[in-house]
C-alpha cells in the first residue's frame, strides 16, 4: 500500500509540474484550430469527436493530458508510428495551441452496447475488484468519467474498442507511458477489460 501511495503521489507531482510548464505561454486557439485542421482532422474529425472507433475522441479532453501524450508520442515514450510522425512535426507552441483548442470543443456522448457486460463494468468502474486489489476507476477518473485535470484524462463517452485496446496495451506492455495504469490493467482479464470499456462509453 505504501508503494502504491508513493506511486500515486509521484504521478500527481509529475502531472502538476507538467501542467505548470504547459501553461507558461498563453495558447492561441485560432492557430490551434488551423493547425488541427491541417494535421489531425482526418483521423479525429472536425471537432475532435472521432467517428472511427480505432481513433479516440479527444474533444473536451484536458489540455495538459493532450500535451503530455503528444510529447510522449514525439519522444517515443508512447509508441505509435502514425502519431509519432505527426507529433514530431509539432513544436511545443503547436501542441499547446491544438490541445487548448480541443479542450474547448464539446465532447459528444457515447453509449454502452452490452447490457450484460455493462453491469460488470459498472461494478469495476465504481468499486474496483477488492480481492485482486484493483482500484475503482472512479477514484482517478471521477464517477462520471470527467477525469481530474492535468492528472487523469476524461474517459466519458470514449469509443469502447479504443479504451479496450489501450487497457490491453497497458496490460501486455505495449503501452509503457503510465506505470499506474500498467499495474491496474495487469490484474484484469479480457472480459473485465471489455466490460469496463463498454461502461465507460456510456458515461456522461
N, C-alpha and C. Protein backbone atom coordinates (compact mmCIF):
# COMPACT_ATOMS: atom_id res chain seq x y z
N UNK A 1 0.83 -1.20 0.00
CA UNK A 1 0.00 0.00 0.00
C UNK A 1 0.87 1.25 0.00
N UNK A 2 2.00 1.23 0.76
CA UNK A 2 2.87 2.39 0.80
C UNK A 2 3.47 2.66 -0.57
N UNK A 3 3.85 1.59 -1.27
CA UNK A 3 4.41 1.76 -2.62
C UNK A 3 3.39 2.38 -3.55
N UNK A 4 2.13 1.89 -3.47
CA UNK A 4 1.07 2.41 -4.32
C UNK A 4 0.84 3.89 -4.04
N UNK A 5 0.83 4.26 -2.77
CA UNK A 5 0.61 5.66 -2.41
C UNK A 5 1.75 6.52 -2.93
N UNK A 6 2.99 6.02 -2.81
CA UNK A 6 4.13 6.77 -3.31
C UNK A 6 4.05 6.96 -4.82
N UNK A 7 3.62 5.91 -5.50
CA UNK A 7 3.49 5.97 -6.96
C UNK A 7 2.43 6.99 -7.35
N UNK A 8 1.31 6.99 -6.63
CA UNK A 8 0.25 7.96 -6.90
C UNK A 8 0.73 9.38 -6.68
N UNK A 9 1.46 9.59 -5.58
CA UNK A 9 1.98 10.93 -5.27
C UNK A 9 2.97 11.38 -6.32
N UNK A 10 3.85 10.48 -6.73
CA UNK A 10 4.84 10.83 -7.75
C UNK A 10 4.17 11.20 -9.06
N UNK A 11 3.14 10.43 -9.42
CA UNK A 11 2.41 10.71 -10.66
C UNK A 11 1.72 12.06 -10.59
N UNK A 12 1.14 12.36 -9.44
CA UNK A 12 0.43 13.63 -9.28
C UNK A 12 1.39 14.80 -9.34
N UNK A 13 2.56 14.67 -8.68
CA UNK A 13 3.56 15.74 -8.70
C UNK A 13 4.07 15.97 -10.11
N UNK A 14 4.34 14.87 -10.84
CA UNK A 14 4.82 15.00 -12.22
C UNK A 14 3.79 15.67 -13.11
N UNK A 15 2.52 15.28 -12.94
CA UNK A 15 1.45 15.87 -13.74
C UNK A 15 1.29 17.35 -13.43
N UNK A 16 1.39 17.71 -12.13
CA UNK A 16 1.25 19.10 -11.74
C UNK A 16 2.39 19.93 -12.31
N UNK A 17 3.60 19.37 -12.25
CA UNK A 17 4.76 20.06 -12.82
C UNK A 17 4.59 20.29 -14.30
N UNK A 18 4.09 19.26 -15.01
CA UNK A 18 3.86 19.39 -16.45
C UNK A 18 2.79 20.44 -16.72
N UNK A 19 1.75 20.47 -15.86
CA UNK A 19 0.67 21.44 -16.02
C UNK A 19 1.20 22.86 -15.92
N UNK A 20 2.08 23.11 -14.94
CA UNK A 20 2.65 24.45 -14.77
C UNK A 20 3.47 24.83 -15.99
N UNK A 21 4.27 23.90 -16.49
CA UNK A 21 5.07 24.14 -17.68
C UNK A 21 4.18 24.42 -18.88
N UNK A 22 3.11 23.64 -19.01
CA UNK A 22 2.24 23.74 -20.18
C UNK A 22 1.54 25.09 -20.26
N UNK A 23 1.35 25.73 -19.10
CA UNK A 23 0.60 26.97 -19.08
C UNK A 23 1.48 28.21 -19.05
N UNK A 24 2.80 28.07 -19.23
CA UNK A 24 3.68 29.23 -19.17
C UNK A 24 3.44 30.18 -20.33
N UNK A 25 2.97 29.69 -21.45
CA UNK A 25 2.64 30.54 -22.59
C UNK A 25 1.14 30.45 -22.86
N UNK A 26 0.57 31.58 -23.25
CA UNK A 26 -0.87 31.60 -23.50
C UNK A 26 -1.17 30.92 -24.83
N UNK A 27 -2.12 29.98 -24.85
CA UNK A 27 -2.44 29.30 -26.12
C UNK A 27 -3.15 30.23 -27.09
N UNK A 28 -2.90 30.01 -28.37
CA UNK A 28 -3.57 30.75 -29.45
C UNK A 28 -4.58 29.79 -30.07
N UNK A 29 -5.85 29.94 -29.70
CA UNK A 29 -6.87 28.99 -30.15
C UNK A 29 -7.09 29.04 -31.65
N UNK A 30 -6.94 30.21 -32.25
CA UNK A 30 -7.12 30.32 -33.71
C UNK A 30 -6.05 29.53 -34.44
N UNK A 31 -4.82 29.64 -33.97
CA UNK A 31 -3.73 28.86 -34.57
C UNK A 31 -3.95 27.37 -34.31
N UNK A 32 -4.44 27.06 -33.11
CA UNK A 32 -4.71 25.67 -32.79
C UNK A 32 -5.74 25.07 -33.71
N UNK A 33 -6.81 25.81 -33.98
CA UNK A 33 -7.87 25.34 -34.88
C UNK A 33 -7.33 25.13 -36.29
N UNK A 34 -6.54 26.08 -36.75
CA UNK A 34 -5.99 25.98 -38.11
C UNK A 34 -5.05 24.79 -38.25
N UNK A 35 -4.19 24.61 -37.27
CA UNK A 35 -3.23 23.51 -37.33
C UNK A 35 -3.93 22.16 -37.17
N UNK A 36 -4.93 22.12 -36.28
CA UNK A 36 -5.71 20.89 -36.12
C UNK A 36 -6.33 20.50 -37.46
N UNK A 37 -6.86 21.48 -38.17
CA UNK A 37 -7.49 21.22 -39.46
C UNK A 37 -6.52 20.69 -40.51
N UNK A 38 -5.25 21.01 -40.35
CA UNK A 38 -4.23 20.54 -41.29
C UNK A 38 -3.69 19.16 -40.92
N UNK A 39 -3.55 18.92 -39.62
CA UNK A 39 -2.79 17.75 -39.16
C UNK A 39 -3.66 16.62 -38.60
N UNK A 40 -4.73 16.97 -37.88
CA UNK A 40 -5.43 15.98 -37.05
C UNK A 40 -6.80 15.56 -37.55
N UNK A 41 -7.40 16.42 -38.38
CA UNK A 41 -8.82 16.26 -38.70
C UNK A 41 -9.16 14.94 -39.38
N UNK A 42 -8.25 14.42 -40.20
CA UNK A 42 -8.55 13.21 -40.96
C UNK A 42 -8.85 12.01 -40.06
N UNK A 43 -8.20 11.93 -38.92
CA UNK A 43 -8.39 10.79 -38.02
C UNK A 43 -9.36 11.09 -36.86
N UNK A 44 -9.40 12.35 -36.42
CA UNK A 44 -10.14 12.68 -35.21
C UNK A 44 -11.39 13.53 -35.45
N UNK A 45 -11.74 13.75 -36.72
CA UNK A 45 -12.94 14.50 -37.12
C UNK A 45 -12.77 16.00 -36.86
N UNK A 46 -13.65 16.78 -37.46
CA UNK A 46 -13.51 18.24 -37.47
C UNK A 46 -13.54 18.87 -36.09
N UNK A 47 -14.27 18.25 -35.16
CA UNK A 47 -14.40 18.83 -33.82
C UNK A 47 -13.76 17.98 -32.73
N UNK A 48 -12.96 16.99 -33.13
CA UNK A 48 -12.30 16.13 -32.14
C UNK A 48 -13.13 14.95 -31.68
N UNK A 49 -14.36 14.82 -32.23
CA UNK A 49 -15.22 13.69 -31.88
C UNK A 49 -15.11 12.62 -32.96
N UNK A 50 -14.04 11.88 -32.92
CA UNK A 50 -13.80 10.85 -33.92
C UNK A 50 -15.00 9.92 -34.09
N UNK A 51 -15.30 9.59 -35.34
CA UNK A 51 -16.38 8.64 -35.61
C UNK A 51 -15.82 7.25 -35.93
N UNK A 52 -14.51 7.13 -35.90
CA UNK A 52 -13.84 5.85 -36.16
C UNK A 52 -13.41 5.25 -34.82
N UNK A 53 -13.96 4.11 -34.43
CA UNK A 53 -13.69 3.56 -33.10
C UNK A 53 -12.22 3.35 -32.77
N UNK A 54 -11.39 3.13 -33.77
CA UNK A 54 -9.97 2.91 -33.51
C UNK A 54 -9.25 4.20 -33.14
N UNK A 55 -9.84 5.35 -33.48
CA UNK A 55 -9.22 6.64 -33.18
C UNK A 55 -10.00 7.30 -32.05
N UNK A 56 -9.31 7.74 -31.00
CA UNK A 56 -10.03 8.26 -29.83
C UNK A 56 -10.74 9.58 -30.07
N UNK A 57 -11.82 9.78 -29.32
CA UNK A 57 -12.43 11.09 -29.23
C UNK A 57 -11.53 11.94 -28.33
N UNK A 58 -11.15 13.11 -28.79
CA UNK A 58 -10.26 13.96 -27.99
C UNK A 58 -10.86 15.33 -27.71
N UNK A 59 -12.08 15.59 -28.18
CA UNK A 59 -12.77 16.84 -27.85
C UNK A 59 -13.05 16.88 -26.36
N UNK A 60 -12.83 18.04 -25.75
CA UNK A 60 -13.11 18.21 -24.33
C UNK A 60 -12.10 17.56 -23.40
N UNK A 61 -11.02 17.02 -23.96
CA UNK A 61 -10.01 16.38 -23.13
C UNK A 61 -9.18 17.45 -22.41
N UNK A 62 -8.65 17.11 -21.25
CA UNK A 62 -7.82 18.06 -20.51
C UNK A 62 -6.59 18.42 -21.35
N UNK A 63 -6.32 19.69 -21.56
CA UNK A 63 -5.23 20.07 -22.46
C UNK A 63 -3.86 19.63 -21.98
N UNK A 64 -3.66 19.62 -20.66
CA UNK A 64 -2.36 19.17 -20.14
C UNK A 64 -2.12 17.70 -20.47
N UNK A 65 -3.18 16.91 -20.41
CA UNK A 65 -3.06 15.50 -20.75
C UNK A 65 -2.75 15.34 -22.23
N UNK A 66 -3.44 16.10 -23.08
CA UNK A 66 -3.17 16.02 -24.52
C UNK A 66 -1.73 16.40 -24.83
N UNK A 67 -1.25 17.47 -24.20
CA UNK A 67 0.14 17.88 -24.43
C UNK A 67 1.12 16.80 -24.00
N UNK A 68 0.85 16.19 -22.85
CA UNK A 68 1.73 15.12 -22.36
C UNK A 68 1.78 13.98 -23.37
N UNK A 69 0.62 13.58 -23.90
CA UNK A 69 0.60 12.48 -24.86
C UNK A 69 1.36 12.84 -26.14
N UNK A 70 1.16 14.07 -26.62
CA UNK A 70 1.86 14.50 -27.84
C UNK A 70 3.38 14.50 -27.63
N UNK A 71 3.81 14.99 -26.49
CA UNK A 71 5.25 14.96 -26.17
C UNK A 71 5.77 13.52 -26.13
N UNK A 72 4.97 12.63 -25.57
CA UNK A 72 5.43 11.24 -25.43
C UNK A 72 5.36 10.47 -26.74
N UNK A 73 4.44 10.84 -27.62
CA UNK A 73 4.47 10.28 -28.98
C UNK A 73 5.74 10.74 -29.69
N UNK A 74 6.04 12.02 -29.54
CA UNK A 74 7.21 12.60 -30.20
C UNK A 74 8.51 11.98 -29.72
N UNK A 75 8.61 11.77 -28.40
CA UNK A 75 9.84 11.21 -27.83
C UNK A 75 9.94 9.70 -28.02
N UNK A 76 8.80 9.05 -28.29
CA UNK A 76 8.79 7.60 -28.41
C UNK A 76 8.43 6.89 -27.13
N UNK A 77 8.21 7.65 -26.04
CA UNK A 77 7.82 7.02 -24.78
C UNK A 77 6.48 6.32 -24.93
N UNK A 78 5.59 6.90 -25.73
CA UNK A 78 4.36 6.22 -26.12
C UNK A 78 4.53 5.81 -27.57
N UNK A 79 4.51 4.54 -27.83
CA UNK A 79 4.89 4.00 -29.14
C UNK A 79 3.70 3.90 -30.10
N UNK A 80 3.69 4.77 -31.09
CA UNK A 80 2.69 4.71 -32.14
C UNK A 80 3.29 5.40 -33.36
N UNK A 81 3.59 4.62 -34.39
CA UNK A 81 4.32 5.14 -35.55
C UNK A 81 3.58 6.28 -36.24
N UNK A 82 2.26 6.17 -36.35
CA UNK A 82 1.48 7.21 -37.03
C UNK A 82 1.51 8.50 -36.21
N UNK A 83 1.25 8.40 -34.92
CA UNK A 83 1.23 9.59 -34.08
C UNK A 83 2.62 10.19 -33.90
N UNK A 84 3.62 9.36 -33.90
CA UNK A 84 5.00 9.88 -33.80
C UNK A 84 5.31 10.77 -35.00
N UNK A 85 4.87 10.33 -36.18
CA UNK A 85 5.10 11.13 -37.38
C UNK A 85 4.45 12.50 -37.30
N UNK A 86 3.21 12.54 -36.83
CA UNK A 86 2.51 13.82 -36.71
C UNK A 86 3.11 14.68 -35.59
N UNK A 87 3.32 14.07 -34.42
CA UNK A 87 3.80 14.82 -33.26
C UNK A 87 5.21 15.36 -33.48
N UNK A 88 6.03 14.63 -34.22
CA UNK A 88 7.41 15.06 -34.46
C UNK A 88 7.48 16.37 -35.23
N UNK A 89 6.43 16.66 -35.98
CA UNK A 89 6.41 17.89 -36.77
C UNK A 89 5.88 19.09 -35.98
N UNK A 90 5.45 18.85 -34.74
CA UNK A 90 4.84 19.92 -33.94
C UNK A 90 5.82 20.50 -32.93
N UNK A 91 5.82 21.81 -32.81
CA UNK A 91 6.59 22.48 -31.76
C UNK A 91 5.79 22.46 -30.47
N UNK A 92 6.42 22.88 -29.38
CA UNK A 92 5.69 22.97 -28.11
C UNK A 92 4.51 23.93 -28.23
N UNK A 93 4.72 25.05 -28.92
CA UNK A 93 3.62 26.01 -29.11
C UNK A 93 2.48 25.39 -29.92
N UNK A 94 2.84 24.62 -30.96
CA UNK A 94 1.81 23.95 -31.77
C UNK A 94 0.98 23.00 -30.90
N UNK A 95 1.68 22.21 -30.10
CA UNK A 95 0.99 21.26 -29.22
C UNK A 95 0.07 21.98 -28.24
N UNK A 96 0.57 23.07 -27.67
CA UNK A 96 -0.22 23.84 -26.72
C UNK A 96 -1.47 24.40 -27.39
N UNK A 97 -1.31 24.98 -28.56
CA UNK A 97 -2.44 25.60 -29.26
C UNK A 97 -3.50 24.57 -29.65
N UNK A 98 -3.07 23.43 -30.16
CA UNK A 98 -4.01 22.37 -30.54
C UNK A 98 -4.72 21.81 -29.31
N UNK A 99 -3.95 21.56 -28.25
CA UNK A 99 -4.51 20.95 -27.04
C UNK A 99 -5.56 21.83 -26.39
N UNK A 100 -5.28 23.13 -26.30
CA UNK A 100 -6.25 24.03 -25.67
C UNK A 100 -7.46 24.26 -26.56
N UNK A 101 -7.26 24.23 -27.88
CA UNK A 101 -8.41 24.34 -28.78
C UNK A 101 -9.31 23.11 -28.62
N UNK A 102 -8.72 21.93 -28.58
CA UNK A 102 -9.51 20.71 -28.40
C UNK A 102 -10.26 20.71 -27.08
N UNK A 103 -9.62 21.19 -26.04
CA UNK A 103 -10.26 21.24 -24.73
C UNK A 103 -11.51 22.12 -24.76
N UNK A 104 -11.54 23.06 -25.69
CA UNK A 104 -12.66 24.00 -25.81
C UNK A 104 -13.81 23.43 -26.66
N UNK A 105 -13.59 22.26 -27.26
CA UNK A 105 -14.64 21.64 -28.09
C UNK A 105 -15.54 20.76 -27.22
N UNK A 106 -16.79 20.70 -27.57
CA UNK A 106 -17.75 19.90 -26.79
C UNK A 106 -17.64 18.42 -27.15
N UNK A 107 -17.44 17.61 -26.13
CA UNK A 107 -17.36 16.16 -26.35
C UNK A 107 -18.77 15.60 -26.55
N UNK A 108 -18.91 14.73 -27.52
CA UNK A 108 -20.21 14.09 -27.77
C UNK A 108 -20.36 12.83 -26.94
N UNK A 109 -21.59 12.58 -26.51
CA UNK A 109 -21.86 11.39 -25.71
C UNK A 109 -21.69 10.12 -26.52
N UNK A 110 -21.36 9.04 -25.82
CA UNK A 110 -21.32 7.72 -26.42
C UNK A 110 -22.42 6.87 -25.81
N UNK A 111 -22.31 5.56 -25.97
CA UNK A 111 -23.32 4.67 -25.41
C UNK A 111 -22.74 3.29 -25.18
N UNK A 112 -23.13 2.68 -24.06
CA UNK A 112 -22.79 1.27 -23.82
C UNK A 112 -23.68 0.41 -24.71
N UNK A 113 -23.21 -0.77 -25.06
CA UNK A 113 -23.97 -1.60 -26.01
C UNK A 113 -24.31 -2.99 -25.48
N UNK A 114 -23.57 -3.48 -24.48
CA UNK A 114 -23.78 -4.84 -23.99
C UNK A 114 -24.40 -4.81 -22.60
N UNK A 115 -25.70 -5.07 -22.51
CA UNK A 115 -26.43 -4.95 -21.24
C UNK A 115 -25.89 -5.87 -20.16
N UNK A 116 -25.44 -7.05 -20.55
CA UNK A 116 -24.93 -8.00 -19.56
C UNK A 116 -23.55 -7.57 -19.05
N UNK A 117 -22.68 -7.23 -19.97
CA UNK A 117 -21.33 -6.85 -19.58
C UNK A 117 -21.29 -5.51 -18.85
N UNK A 118 -22.18 -4.61 -19.21
CA UNK A 118 -22.12 -3.26 -18.64
C UNK A 118 -22.32 -3.26 -17.13
N UNK A 119 -23.07 -4.23 -16.63
CA UNK A 119 -23.26 -4.33 -15.17
C UNK A 119 -21.94 -4.66 -14.48
N UNK A 120 -21.20 -5.58 -15.06
CA UNK A 120 -19.88 -5.91 -14.53
C UNK A 120 -18.96 -4.69 -14.64
N UNK A 121 -19.03 -4.01 -15.78
CA UNK A 121 -18.21 -2.82 -15.98
C UNK A 121 -18.48 -1.74 -14.95
N UNK A 122 -19.75 -1.56 -14.63
CA UNK A 122 -20.11 -0.55 -13.62
C UNK A 122 -19.54 -0.92 -12.26
N UNK A 123 -19.62 -2.20 -11.91
CA UNK A 123 -19.08 -2.63 -10.61
C UNK A 123 -17.58 -2.36 -10.52
N UNK A 124 -16.87 -2.66 -11.60
CA UNK A 124 -15.42 -2.45 -11.60
C UNK A 124 -15.10 -0.96 -11.58
N UNK A 125 -15.79 -0.21 -12.42
CA UNK A 125 -15.51 1.22 -12.53
C UNK A 125 -15.76 1.93 -11.20
N UNK A 126 -16.86 1.57 -10.55
CA UNK A 126 -17.25 2.28 -9.31
C UNK A 126 -16.63 1.68 -8.06
N UNK A 127 -16.39 0.37 -8.06
CA UNK A 127 -15.92 -0.26 -6.82
C UNK A 127 -14.62 -1.02 -6.92
N UNK A 128 -14.08 -1.17 -8.14
CA UNK A 128 -12.86 -1.95 -8.30
C UNK A 128 -13.11 -3.44 -8.10
N UNK A 129 -12.03 -4.18 -7.90
CA UNK A 129 -12.13 -5.61 -7.59
C UNK A 129 -11.26 -5.85 -6.36
N UNK A 130 -11.90 -5.88 -5.20
CA UNK A 130 -11.19 -5.86 -3.92
C UNK A 130 -10.23 -7.04 -3.74
N UNK A 131 -10.67 -8.26 -4.12
CA UNK A 131 -9.83 -9.42 -3.84
C UNK A 131 -8.56 -9.48 -4.68
N UNK A 132 -8.50 -8.64 -5.72
CA UNK A 132 -7.26 -8.56 -6.52
C UNK A 132 -6.61 -7.18 -6.42
N UNK A 133 -7.09 -6.42 -5.47
CA UNK A 133 -6.54 -5.08 -5.21
C UNK A 133 -6.55 -4.21 -6.46
N UNK A 134 -7.64 -4.28 -7.21
CA UNK A 134 -7.83 -3.41 -8.37
C UNK A 134 -8.66 -2.22 -7.92
N UNK A 135 -8.09 -1.05 -7.99
CA UNK A 135 -8.77 0.16 -7.53
C UNK A 135 -9.92 0.53 -8.45
N UNK A 136 -10.92 1.19 -7.89
CA UNK A 136 -12.04 1.69 -8.68
C UNK A 136 -11.55 2.75 -9.66
N UNK A 137 -11.97 2.65 -10.91
CA UNK A 137 -11.59 3.64 -11.93
C UNK A 137 -12.07 5.04 -11.54
N UNK A 138 -13.23 5.09 -10.87
CA UNK A 138 -13.84 6.36 -10.49
C UNK A 138 -12.95 7.17 -9.56
N UNK A 139 -12.07 6.50 -8.83
CA UNK A 139 -11.19 7.20 -7.91
C UNK A 139 -10.28 8.20 -8.59
N UNK A 140 -9.85 7.88 -9.79
CA UNK A 140 -8.97 8.77 -10.55
C UNK A 140 -9.69 9.49 -11.69
N UNK A 141 -10.66 8.82 -12.27
CA UNK A 141 -11.31 9.37 -13.48
C UNK A 141 -12.68 9.98 -13.17
N UNK A 142 -13.06 10.00 -11.89
CA UNK A 142 -14.29 10.58 -11.35
C UNK A 142 -15.50 9.71 -11.70
N UNK A 143 -16.55 9.77 -10.89
CA UNK A 143 -17.71 8.91 -11.11
C UNK A 143 -18.38 9.06 -12.47
N UNK A 144 -18.33 10.26 -13.03
CA UNK A 144 -18.97 10.47 -14.35
C UNK A 144 -17.98 10.42 -15.50
N UNK A 145 -16.73 10.04 -15.22
CA UNK A 145 -15.73 9.90 -16.29
C UNK A 145 -15.10 11.20 -16.73
N UNK A 146 -15.29 12.28 -15.98
CA UNK A 146 -14.75 13.58 -16.37
C UNK A 146 -13.25 13.68 -16.13
N UNK A 147 -12.70 12.78 -15.34
CA UNK A 147 -11.28 12.82 -15.05
C UNK A 147 -10.92 13.94 -14.08
N UNK A 148 -9.62 14.09 -13.84
CA UNK A 148 -9.11 15.15 -12.98
C UNK A 148 -8.10 15.94 -13.80
N UNK A 149 -8.36 17.21 -14.07
CA UNK A 149 -7.48 18.00 -14.94
C UNK A 149 -6.01 17.89 -14.57
N UNK A 150 -5.20 17.73 -15.61
CA UNK A 150 -3.74 17.65 -15.55
C UNK A 150 -3.22 16.32 -15.04
N UNK A 151 -4.06 15.53 -14.40
CA UNK A 151 -3.58 14.27 -13.85
C UNK A 151 -4.18 13.05 -14.54
N UNK A 152 -5.52 13.01 -14.62
CA UNK A 152 -6.17 11.82 -15.14
C UNK A 152 -7.14 12.23 -16.25
N UNK A 153 -7.08 11.56 -17.40
CA UNK A 153 -7.86 12.01 -18.56
C UNK A 153 -9.37 11.79 -18.43
N UNK A 154 -10.09 12.58 -19.18
CA UNK A 154 -11.52 12.37 -19.35
C UNK A 154 -11.72 11.06 -20.11
N UNK A 155 -12.65 10.22 -19.65
CA UNK A 155 -12.95 8.95 -20.31
C UNK A 155 -14.37 8.88 -20.85
N UNK A 156 -15.27 9.66 -20.27
CA UNK A 156 -16.69 9.55 -20.60
C UNK A 156 -16.96 9.62 -22.10
N UNK A 157 -17.73 8.65 -22.59
CA UNK A 157 -18.13 8.64 -24.00
C UNK A 157 -17.10 8.12 -24.97
N UNK A 158 -15.94 7.72 -24.46
CA UNK A 158 -14.89 7.23 -25.36
C UNK A 158 -15.32 5.93 -26.04
N UNK A 159 -14.88 5.75 -27.29
CA UNK A 159 -15.18 4.51 -28.00
C UNK A 159 -14.73 3.31 -27.16
N UNK A 160 -15.63 2.35 -26.95
CA UNK A 160 -15.30 1.18 -26.13
C UNK A 160 -14.13 0.40 -26.70
N UNK A 161 -14.08 0.26 -28.01
CA UNK A 161 -13.00 -0.52 -28.61
C UNK A 161 -11.64 0.15 -28.43
N UNK A 162 -11.63 1.49 -28.40
CA UNK A 162 -10.37 2.21 -28.17
C UNK A 162 -9.91 2.01 -26.73
N UNK A 163 -10.83 2.20 -25.78
CA UNK A 163 -10.47 2.01 -24.37
C UNK A 163 -10.00 0.58 -24.13
N UNK A 164 -10.70 -0.37 -24.72
CA UNK A 164 -10.31 -1.78 -24.57
C UNK A 164 -8.90 -2.02 -25.10
N UNK A 165 -8.61 -1.46 -26.26
CA UNK A 165 -7.29 -1.63 -26.87
C UNK A 165 -6.20 -1.02 -26.00
N UNK A 166 -6.47 0.15 -25.40
CA UNK A 166 -5.46 0.80 -24.55
C UNK A 166 -5.23 0.02 -23.26
N UNK A 167 -6.30 -0.49 -22.66
CA UNK A 167 -6.13 -1.28 -21.44
C UNK A 167 -5.32 -2.55 -21.71
N UNK A 168 -5.59 -3.18 -22.85
CA UNK A 168 -4.82 -4.38 -23.20
C UNK A 168 -3.37 -4.03 -23.50
N UNK A 169 -3.16 -2.86 -24.12
CA UNK A 169 -1.79 -2.43 -24.41
C UNK A 169 -1.02 -2.15 -23.12
N UNK A 170 -1.69 -1.55 -22.13
CA UNK A 170 -1.06 -1.36 -20.82
C UNK A 170 -0.75 -2.72 -20.19
N UNK A 171 -1.73 -3.61 -20.22
CA UNK A 171 -1.57 -4.91 -19.58
C UNK A 171 -0.45 -5.73 -20.22
N UNK A 172 -0.37 -5.68 -21.55
CA UNK A 172 0.58 -6.52 -22.28
C UNK A 172 1.95 -5.87 -22.45
N UNK A 173 2.09 -4.63 -21.99
CA UNK A 173 3.39 -3.96 -22.05
C UNK A 173 3.66 -3.21 -23.33
N UNK A 174 2.68 -3.16 -24.23
CA UNK A 174 2.88 -2.43 -25.49
C UNK A 174 2.82 -0.92 -25.26
N UNK A 175 2.01 -0.49 -24.30
CA UNK A 175 1.95 0.93 -23.93
C UNK A 175 2.62 1.08 -22.57
N UNK A 176 3.68 1.89 -22.54
CA UNK A 176 4.55 1.94 -21.36
C UNK A 176 4.64 3.31 -20.72
N UNK A 177 3.70 4.20 -21.04
CA UNK A 177 3.87 5.58 -20.56
C UNK A 177 3.06 5.91 -19.31
N UNK A 178 2.58 4.88 -18.59
CA UNK A 178 1.89 5.13 -17.34
C UNK A 178 1.97 3.88 -16.47
N UNK A 179 2.89 3.89 -15.52
CA UNK A 179 3.12 2.71 -14.67
C UNK A 179 1.89 2.37 -13.84
N UNK A 180 1.15 3.40 -13.42
CA UNK A 180 -0.05 3.18 -12.62
C UNK A 180 -1.09 2.37 -13.39
N UNK A 181 -1.32 2.75 -14.66
CA UNK A 181 -2.30 2.04 -15.48
C UNK A 181 -1.81 0.64 -15.85
N UNK A 182 -0.52 0.50 -16.03
CA UNK A 182 0.03 -0.83 -16.30
C UNK A 182 -0.26 -1.76 -15.13
N UNK A 183 -0.09 -1.24 -13.91
CA UNK A 183 -0.34 -2.05 -12.71
C UNK A 183 -1.79 -2.45 -12.58
N UNK A 184 -2.71 -1.55 -12.93
CA UNK A 184 -4.14 -1.85 -12.85
C UNK A 184 -4.53 -2.88 -13.91
N UNK A 185 -4.16 -2.60 -15.15
CA UNK A 185 -4.58 -3.46 -16.27
C UNK A 185 -3.96 -4.85 -16.18
N UNK A 186 -2.78 -4.96 -15.57
CA UNK A 186 -2.10 -6.25 -15.45
C UNK A 186 -2.92 -7.27 -14.68
N UNK A 187 -3.84 -6.79 -13.83
CA UNK A 187 -4.64 -7.69 -12.99
C UNK A 187 -6.01 -8.01 -13.58
N UNK A 188 -6.29 -7.46 -14.77
CA UNK A 188 -7.63 -7.63 -15.35
C UNK A 188 -7.62 -8.63 -16.51
N UNK A 189 -8.69 -9.41 -16.61
CA UNK A 189 -8.80 -10.34 -17.74
C UNK A 189 -9.56 -9.67 -18.89
N UNK A 190 -9.62 -10.36 -20.02
CA UNK A 190 -10.24 -9.78 -21.21
C UNK A 190 -11.69 -9.38 -20.98
N UNK A 191 -12.44 -10.22 -20.29
CA UNK A 191 -13.87 -9.93 -20.07
C UNK A 191 -14.05 -8.69 -19.21
N UNK A 192 -13.23 -8.55 -18.18
CA UNK A 192 -13.31 -7.38 -17.31
C UNK A 192 -12.93 -6.10 -18.05
N UNK A 193 -11.91 -6.20 -18.88
CA UNK A 193 -11.50 -5.04 -19.67
C UNK A 193 -12.60 -4.63 -20.64
N UNK A 194 -13.18 -5.61 -21.30
CA UNK A 194 -14.26 -5.32 -22.25
C UNK A 194 -15.46 -4.70 -21.53
N UNK A 195 -15.77 -5.22 -20.35
CA UNK A 195 -16.93 -4.74 -19.60
C UNK A 195 -16.75 -3.29 -19.15
N UNK A 196 -15.60 -2.98 -18.59
CA UNK A 196 -15.39 -1.61 -18.10
C UNK A 196 -15.28 -0.64 -19.26
N UNK A 197 -14.75 -1.08 -20.39
CA UNK A 197 -14.66 -0.23 -21.57
C UNK A 197 -16.05 0.12 -22.10
N UNK A 198 -16.94 -0.86 -22.10
CA UNK A 198 -18.30 -0.63 -22.57
C UNK A 198 -19.05 0.31 -21.62
N UNK A 199 -18.82 0.14 -20.32
CA UNK A 199 -19.47 1.01 -19.35
C UNK A 199 -18.99 2.46 -19.52
N UNK A 200 -17.71 2.64 -19.72
CA UNK A 200 -17.13 3.98 -19.90
C UNK A 200 -17.74 4.68 -21.12
N UNK A 201 -18.00 3.92 -22.17
CA UNK A 201 -18.58 4.51 -23.39
C UNK A 201 -19.92 5.18 -23.11
N UNK A 202 -20.65 4.70 -22.12
CA UNK A 202 -21.96 5.25 -21.82
C UNK A 202 -21.97 6.32 -20.74
N UNK A 203 -20.80 6.60 -20.15
CA UNK A 203 -20.75 7.61 -19.09
C UNK A 203 -20.98 9.01 -19.66
N UNK A 204 -21.63 9.84 -18.86
CA UNK A 204 -21.83 11.24 -19.28
C UNK A 204 -22.10 12.12 -18.07
